[in-house]
Amino acid sequence: MTTMAKTISMKATAFGQDMLEVLAERQLEKVSFRELDISHSILTLKGYLVKKLSHVNWNIDPGLCQPELRYLYPVYFDSVRILLAECVAEFFQTGRVYMAVLDPYRMEYVEHEIRLLVLTPEDIFSLLRALHNVQNPAHDLISRWKDPADRERWMEHIQKLHQTISQLQ
């Protein structure tokens, strides 16, 4: 019996799904899932993470956020840009971005197809910078993979994303 290789992508992780839910709720529903604006998405997700991990929340609910999490800001911010890089690459490879979002009323996932992407040269630079940063073997997004085969597949994934997005410059 053969096993299928695990998908290595940010979009397939729990964190990636959470961030897609935040995007859907705070940005995409407002435009009926017609377009994905990368600049706006970066700001939306960074704002969400800053608020979620900020000192303000420590006073409200100390269990909500630990002070050491502030050191993870760069990792979270890189993760968000990798997630968006995956969306950009998917769009330029297929002409659309698929996103499954939980419908809380029916308690099932509804798939949306986004056919318009707004991407600036600054966005491309930001995504490429994140893709470059996460190729450092000491970066948390690589070191979290304990199995060397998974680490290698992650690096291949990141390099493919970098190559795809580099062509957009």
C-alpha atoms as a PDB file:
ATOM      1  CA  MET A   1       0.000   0.000   0.000  1.00  0.00           C
ATOM      2  CA  THR A   2       1.362   3.398  -0.918  1.00  0.00           C
ATOM      3  CA  THR A   3       0.690   6.549   1.029  1.00  0.00           C
ATOM      4  CA  MET A   4       0.088   9.888  -0.560  1.00  0.00           C
ATOM      5  CA  ALA A   5       2.573  12.610   0.234  1.00  0.00           C
ATOM      6  CA  LYS A   6       1.232  15.081   2.763  1.00  0.00           C
ATOM      7  CA  THR A   7       0.416  18.483   1.363  1.00  0.00           C
ATOM      8  CA  ILE A   8       2.899  21.032   2.600  1.00  0.00           C
ATOM      9  CA  SER A   9       1.315  24.466   2.461  1.00  0.00           C
ATOM     10  CA  MET A  10       0.309  27.224   4.821  1.00  0.00           C
ATOM     11  CA  LYS A  11      -3.199  27.189   3.372  1.00  0.00           C
ATOM     12  CA  ALA A  12      -3.647  23.586   4.537  1.00  0.00           C
ATOM     13  CA  THR A  13      -2.650  24.295   8.168  1.00  0.00           C
ATOM     14  CA  ALA A  14      -4.978  25.174  11.044  1.00  0.00           C
ATOM     15  CA  PHE A  15      -3.304  28.609  11.221  1.00  0.00           C
ATOM     16  CA  GLY A  16      -3.865  29.117   7.489  1.00  0.00           C
ATOM     17  CA  GLN A  17      -7.525  28.163   7.766  1.00  0.00           C
ATOM     18  CA  ASP A  18      -7.963  30.519  10.730  1.00  0.00           C
ATOM     19  CA  MET A  19      -6.421  33.382   8.762  1.00  0.00           C
ATOM     20  CA  LEU A  20      -8.623  32.623   5.735  1.00  0.00           C
ATOM     21  CA  GLU A  21     -11.655  32.765   8.039  1.00  0.00           C
ATOM     22  CA  VAL A  22     -10.498  36.179   9.317  1.00  0.00           C
ATOM     23  CA  LEU A  23     -10.052  37.378   5.710  1.00  0.00           C
ATOM     24  CA  ALA A  24     -13.480  36.101   4.767  1.00  0.00           C
ATOM     25  CA  GLU A  25     -15.168  37.762   7.726  1.00  0.00           C
ATOM     26  CA  ARG A  26     -13.334  41.096   7.634  1.00  0.00           C
ATOM     27  CA  GLN A  27     -12.691  41.625   3.948  1.00  0.00           C
ATOM     28  CA  LEU A  28     -14.039  39.133   1.425  1.00  0.00           C
ATOM     29  CA  GLU A  29     -17.671  38.943   2.526  1.00  0.00           C
ATOM     30  CA  LYS A  30     -17.896  42.724   2.082  1.00  0.00           C
ATOM     31  CA  VAL A  31     -17.035  42.358  -1.611  1.00  0.00           C
ATOM     32  CA  SER A  32     -19.038  39.134  -2.081  1.00  0.00           C
ATOM     33  CA  PHE A  33     -15.784  37.190  -2.580  1.00  0.00           C
ATOM     34  CA  ARG A  34     -15.252  38.967  -5.918  1.00  0.00           C
ATOM     35  CA  GLU A  35     -11.666  40.061  -5.315  1.00  0.00           C
ATOM     36  CA  LEU A  36      -8.657  39.455  -3.140  1.00  0.00           C
ATOM     37  CA  ASP A  37      -6.690  42.640  -2.523  1.00  0.00           C
ATOM     38  CA  ILE A  38      -3.274  41.531  -1.263  1.00  0.00           C
ATOM     39  CA  SER A  39      -2.289  44.886   0.319  1.00  0.00           C
ATOM     40  CA  HIS A  40      -5.570  45.053   2.171  1.00  0.00           C
ATOM     41  CA  SER A  41      -5.233  41.376   3.164  1.00  0.00           C
ATOM     42  CA  ILE A  42      -1.782  41.920   4.655  1.00  0.00           C
ATOM     43  CA  LEU A  43      -3.062  44.861   6.700  1.00  0.00           C
ATOM     44  CA  THR A  44      -6.207  42.997   7.758  1.00  0.00           C
ATOM     45  CA  LEU A  45      -4.329  39.923   8.953  1.00  0.00           C
ATOM     46  CA  LYS A  46      -1.504  41.855  10.622  1.00  0.00           C
ATOM     47  CA  GLY A  47      -4.054  44.029  12.411  1.00  0.00           C
ATOM     48  CA  TYR A  48      -5.901  40.947  13.595  1.00  0.00           C
ATOM     49  CA  LEU A  49      -2.683  39.336  14.893  1.00  0.00           C
ATOM     50  CA  VAL A  50      -1.497  42.502  16.637  1.00  0.00           C
ATOM     51  CA  LYS A  51      -4.843  42.887  18.373  1.00  0.00           C
ATOM     52  CA  LYS A  52      -4.994  39.212  19.307  1.00  0.00           C
ATOM     53  CA  LEU A  53      -1.461  39.163  20.721  1.00  0.00           C
ATOM     54  CA  SER A  54      -1.364  42.680  22.149  1.00  0.00           C
ATOM     55  CA  HIS A  55      -0.742  43.646  25.757  1.00  0.00           C
ATOM     56  CA  VAL A  56      -4.305  44.970  25.963  1.00  0.00           C
ATOM     57  CA  ASN A  57      -5.634  41.407  25.854  1.00  0.00           C
ATOM     58  CA  TRP A  58      -3.319  40.305  28.674  1.00  0.00           C
ATOM     59  CA  ASN A  59      -5.213  42.546  31.110  1.00  0.00           C
ATOM     60  CA  ILE A  60      -8.618  41.334  29.942  1.00  0.00           C
ATOM     61  CA  ASP A  61      -7.788  37.620  29.962  1.00  0.00           C
ATOM     62  CA  PRO A  62      -4.247  36.658  31.025  1.00  0.00           C
ATOM     63  CA  GLY A  63      -4.764  33.152  29.658  1.00  0.00           C
ATOM     64  CA  LEU A  64      -5.567  34.541  26.219  1.00  0.00           C
ATOM     65  CA  CYS A  65      -2.021  35.548  25.400  1.00  0.00           C
ATOM     66  CA  GLN A  66       1.324  34.852  26.970  1.00  0.00           C
ATOM     67  CA  PRO A  67       3.963  37.650  26.975  1.00  0.00           C
ATOM     68  CA  GLU A  68       6.458  35.413  25.169  1.00  0.00           C
ATOM     69  CA  LEU A  69       4.109  35.302  22.160  1.00  0.00           C
ATOM     70  CA  ARG A  70       5.204  38.807  21.174  1.00  0.00           C
ATOM     71  CA  TYR A  71       8.466  37.222  20.027  1.00  0.00           C
ATOM     72  CA  LEU A  72       6.440  35.215  17.532  1.00  0.00           C
ATOM     73  CA  TYR A  73       5.141  38.319  15.709  1.00  0.00           C
ATOM     74  CA  PRO A  74       7.743  37.968  12.921  1.00  0.00           C
ATOM     75  CA  VAL A  75       6.878  34.283  12.480  1.00  0.00           C
ATOM     76  CA  TYR A  76       3.157  35.024  12.367  1.00  0.00           C
ATOM     77  CA  PHE A  77       3.675  37.911   9.948  1.00  0.00           C
ATOM     78  CA  ASP A  78       5.828  35.726   7.682  1.00  0.00           C
ATOM     79  CA  SER A  79       3.170  32.991   7.904  1.00  0.00           C
ATOM     80  CA  VAL A  80       0.493  35.432   6.748  1.00  0.00           C
ATOM     81  CA  ARG A  81       2.600  36.537   3.781  1.00  0.00           C
ATOM     82  CA  ILE A  82       3.352  32.899   2.864  1.00  0.00           C
ATOM     83  CA  LEU A  83      -0.382  32.153   2.964  1.00  0.00           C
ATOM     84  CA  LEU A  84      -1.054  35.102   0.669  1.00  0.00           C
ATOM     85  CA  ALA A  85       1.843  34.071  -1.595  1.00  0.00           C
ATOM     86  CA  GLU A  86       0.134  30.698  -1.964  1.00  0.00           C
ATOM     87  CA  CYS A  87      -3.078  32.470  -2.963  1.00  0.00           C
ATOM     88  CA  VAL A  88      -1.205  34.629  -5.500  1.00  0.00           C
ATOM     89  CA  ALA A  89       0.563  31.590  -6.980  1.00  0.00           C
ATOM     90  CA  GLU A  90      -2.736  29.674  -7.149  1.00  0.00           C
ATOM     91  CA  PHE A  91      -4.353  32.602  -8.932  1.00  0.00           C
ATOM     92  CA  PHE A  92      -1.597  32.954 -11.510  1.00  0.00           C
ATOM     93  CA  GLN A  93      -1.521  29.212 -12.127  1.00  0.00           C
ATOM     94  CA  THR A  94      -5.290  28.654 -12.362  1.00  0.00           C
ATOM     95  CA  GLY A  95      -6.905  32.067 -12.846  1.00  0.00           C
ATOM     96  CA  ARG A  96      -8.795  31.800  -9.560  1.00  0.00           C
ATOM     97  CA  VAL A  97      -8.380  31.250  -5.835  1.00  0.00           C
ATOM     98  CA  TYR A  98     -10.584  28.709  -4.100  1.00  0.00           C
ATOM     99  CA  MET A  99     -11.488  29.311  -0.509  1.00  0.00           C
ATOM    100  CA  ALA A 100     -13.717  27.167   1.709  1.00  0.00           C
ATOM    101  CA  VAL A 101     -15.367  29.162   4.494  1.00  0.00           C
ATOM    102  CA  LEU A 102     -17.501  27.820   7.305  1.00  0.00           C
ATOM    103  CA  ASP A 103     -21.129  28.914   7.096  1.00  0.00           C
ATOM    104  CA  PRO A 104     -22.089  29.153  10.792  1.00  0.00           C
ATOM    105  CA  TYR A 105     -25.807  28.830  10.070  1.00  0.00           C
ATOM    106  CA  ARG A 106     -25.578  25.582   8.100  1.00  0.00           C
ATOM    107  CA  MET A 107     -22.413  24.385   9.904  1.00  0.00           C
ATOM    108  CA  GLU A 108     -20.798  23.364   6.649  1.00  0.00           C
ATOM    109  CA  TYR A 109     -18.043  24.729   4.489  1.00  0.00           C
ATOM    110  CA  VAL A 110     -19.011  26.744   1.438  1.00  0.00           C
ATOM    111  CA  GLU A 111     -16.495  27.048  -1.353  1.00  0.00           C
ATOM    112  CA  HIS A 112     -15.911  30.438  -2.934  1.00  0.00           C
ATOM    113  CA  GLU A 113     -14.090  31.174  -6.150  1.00  0.00           C
ATOM    114  CA  ILE A 114     -12.226  34.472  -6.297  1.00  0.00           C
ATOM    115  CA  ARG A 115     -11.523  35.558  -9.863  1.00  0.00           C
ATOM    116  CA  LEU A 116      -9.928  38.975  -9.341  1.00  0.00           C
ATOM    117  CA  LEU A 117      -6.629  39.636  -7.605  1.00  0.00           C
ATOM    118  CA  VAL A 118      -5.292  43.086  -6.750  1.00  0.00           C
ATOM    119  CA  LEU A 119      -1.504  42.945  -6.491  1.00  0.00           C
ATOM    120  CA  THR A 120       0.924  45.873  -6.412  1.00  0.00           C
ATOM    121  CA  PRO A 121       4.703  45.856  -6.983  1.00  0.00           C
ATOM    122  CA  GLU A 122       5.074  46.548  -3.229  1.00  0.00           C
ATOM    123  CA  ASP A 123       3.003  43.438  -2.484  1.00  0.00           C
ATOM    124  CA  ILE A 124       5.242  41.357  -4.725  1.00  0.00           C
ATOM    125  CA  PHE A 125       8.319  42.711  -2.938  1.00  0.00           C
ATOM    126  CA  SER A 126       6.785  41.957   0.474  1.00  0.00           C
ATOM    127  CA  LEU A 127       5.844  38.401  -0.506  1.00  0.00           C
ATOM    128  CA  LEU A 128       9.263  37.722  -2.039  1.00  0.00           C
ATOM    129  CA  ARG A 129      10.999  39.077   1.064  1.00  0.00           C
ATOM    130  CA  ALA A 130       8.975  36.719   3.279  1.00  0.00           C
ATOM    131  CA  LEU A 131       9.670  33.794   0.951  1.00  0.00           C
ATOM    132  CA  HIS A 132      13.375  34.609   1.144  1.00  0.00           C
ATOM    133  CA  ASN A 133      13.296  34.900   4.970  1.00  0.00           C
ATOM    134  CA  VAL A 134      11.608  31.554   5.533  1.00  0.00           C
ATOM    135  CA  GLN A 135      14.281  29.724   3.545  1.00  0.00           C
ATOM    136  CA  ASN A 136      16.724  30.285   6.414  1.00  0.00           C
ATOM    137  CA  PRO A 137      17.106  26.862   8.111  1.00  0.00           C
ATOM    138  CA  ALA A 138      16.879  28.541  11.529  1.00  0.00           C
ATOM    139  CA  HIS A 139      13.480  30.118  10.740  1.00  0.00           C
ATOM    140  CA  ASP A 140      10.646  28.701  12.845  1.00  0.00           C
ATOM    141  CA  LEU A 141       8.595  27.830   9.766  1.00  0.00           C
ATOM    142  CA  ILE A 142      11.319  25.364   8.738  1.00  0.00           C
ATOM    143  CA  SER A 143      12.468  24.199  12.151  1.00  0.00           C
ATOM    144  CA  ARG A 144       8.908  23.166  13.106  1.00  0.00           C
ATOM    145  CA  TRP A 145       9.184  20.289  10.641  1.00  0.00           C
ATOM    146  CA  LYS A 146      10.879  17.546  12.646  1.00  0.00           C
ATOM    147  CA  ASP A 147      10.997  15.018   9.814  1.00  0.00           C
ATOM    148  CA  PRO A 148      13.793  15.914   7.342  1.00  0.00           C
ATOM    149  CA  ALA A 149      11.583  14.745   4.443  1.00  0.00           C
ATOM    150  CA  ASP A 150       8.837  17.189   5.512  1.00  0.00           C
ATOM    151  CA  ARG A 151      11.427  19.948   5.888  1.00  0.00           C
ATOM    152  CA  GLU A 152      12.668  19.240   2.363  1.00  0.00           C
ATOM    153  CA  ARG A 153       9.123  19.260   0.924  1.00  0.00           C
ATOM    154  CA  TRP A 154       8.470  22.572   2.728  1.00  0.00           C
ATOM    155  CA  MET A 155      11.616  24.092   1.213  1.00  0.00           C
ATOM    156  CA  GLU A 156      10.601  22.863  -2.265  1.00  0.00           C
ATOM    157  CA  HIS A 157       7.160  24.405  -1.769  1.00  0.00           C
ATOM    158  CA  ILE A 158       8.659  27.748  -0.713  1.00  0.00           C
ATOM    159  CA  GLN A 159      11.126  27.717  -3.625  1.00  0.00           C
ATOM    160  CA  LYS A 160       8.305  27.026  -6.106  1.00  0.00           C
ATOM    161  CA  LEU A 161       6.292  29.890  -4.649  1.00  0.00           C
ATOM    162  CA  HIS A 162       9.327  32.167  -4.871  1.00  0.00           C
ATOM    163  CA  GLN A 163       9.913  31.175  -8.492  1.00  0.00           C
ATOM    164  CA  THR A 164       6.268  31.750  -9.436  1.00  0.00           C
ATOM    165  CA  ILE A 165       6.019  35.145  -7.756  1.00  0.00           C
ATOM    166  CA  SER A 166       9.439  36.243  -9.058  1.00  0.00           C
ATOM    167  CA  GLN A 167       8.016  35.983 -12.567  1.00  0.00           C
ATOM    168  CA  LEU A 168       5.498  38.693 -11.703  1.00  0.00           C
ATOM    169  CA  GLN A 169       8.154  41.388 -11.227  1.00  0.00           C
END
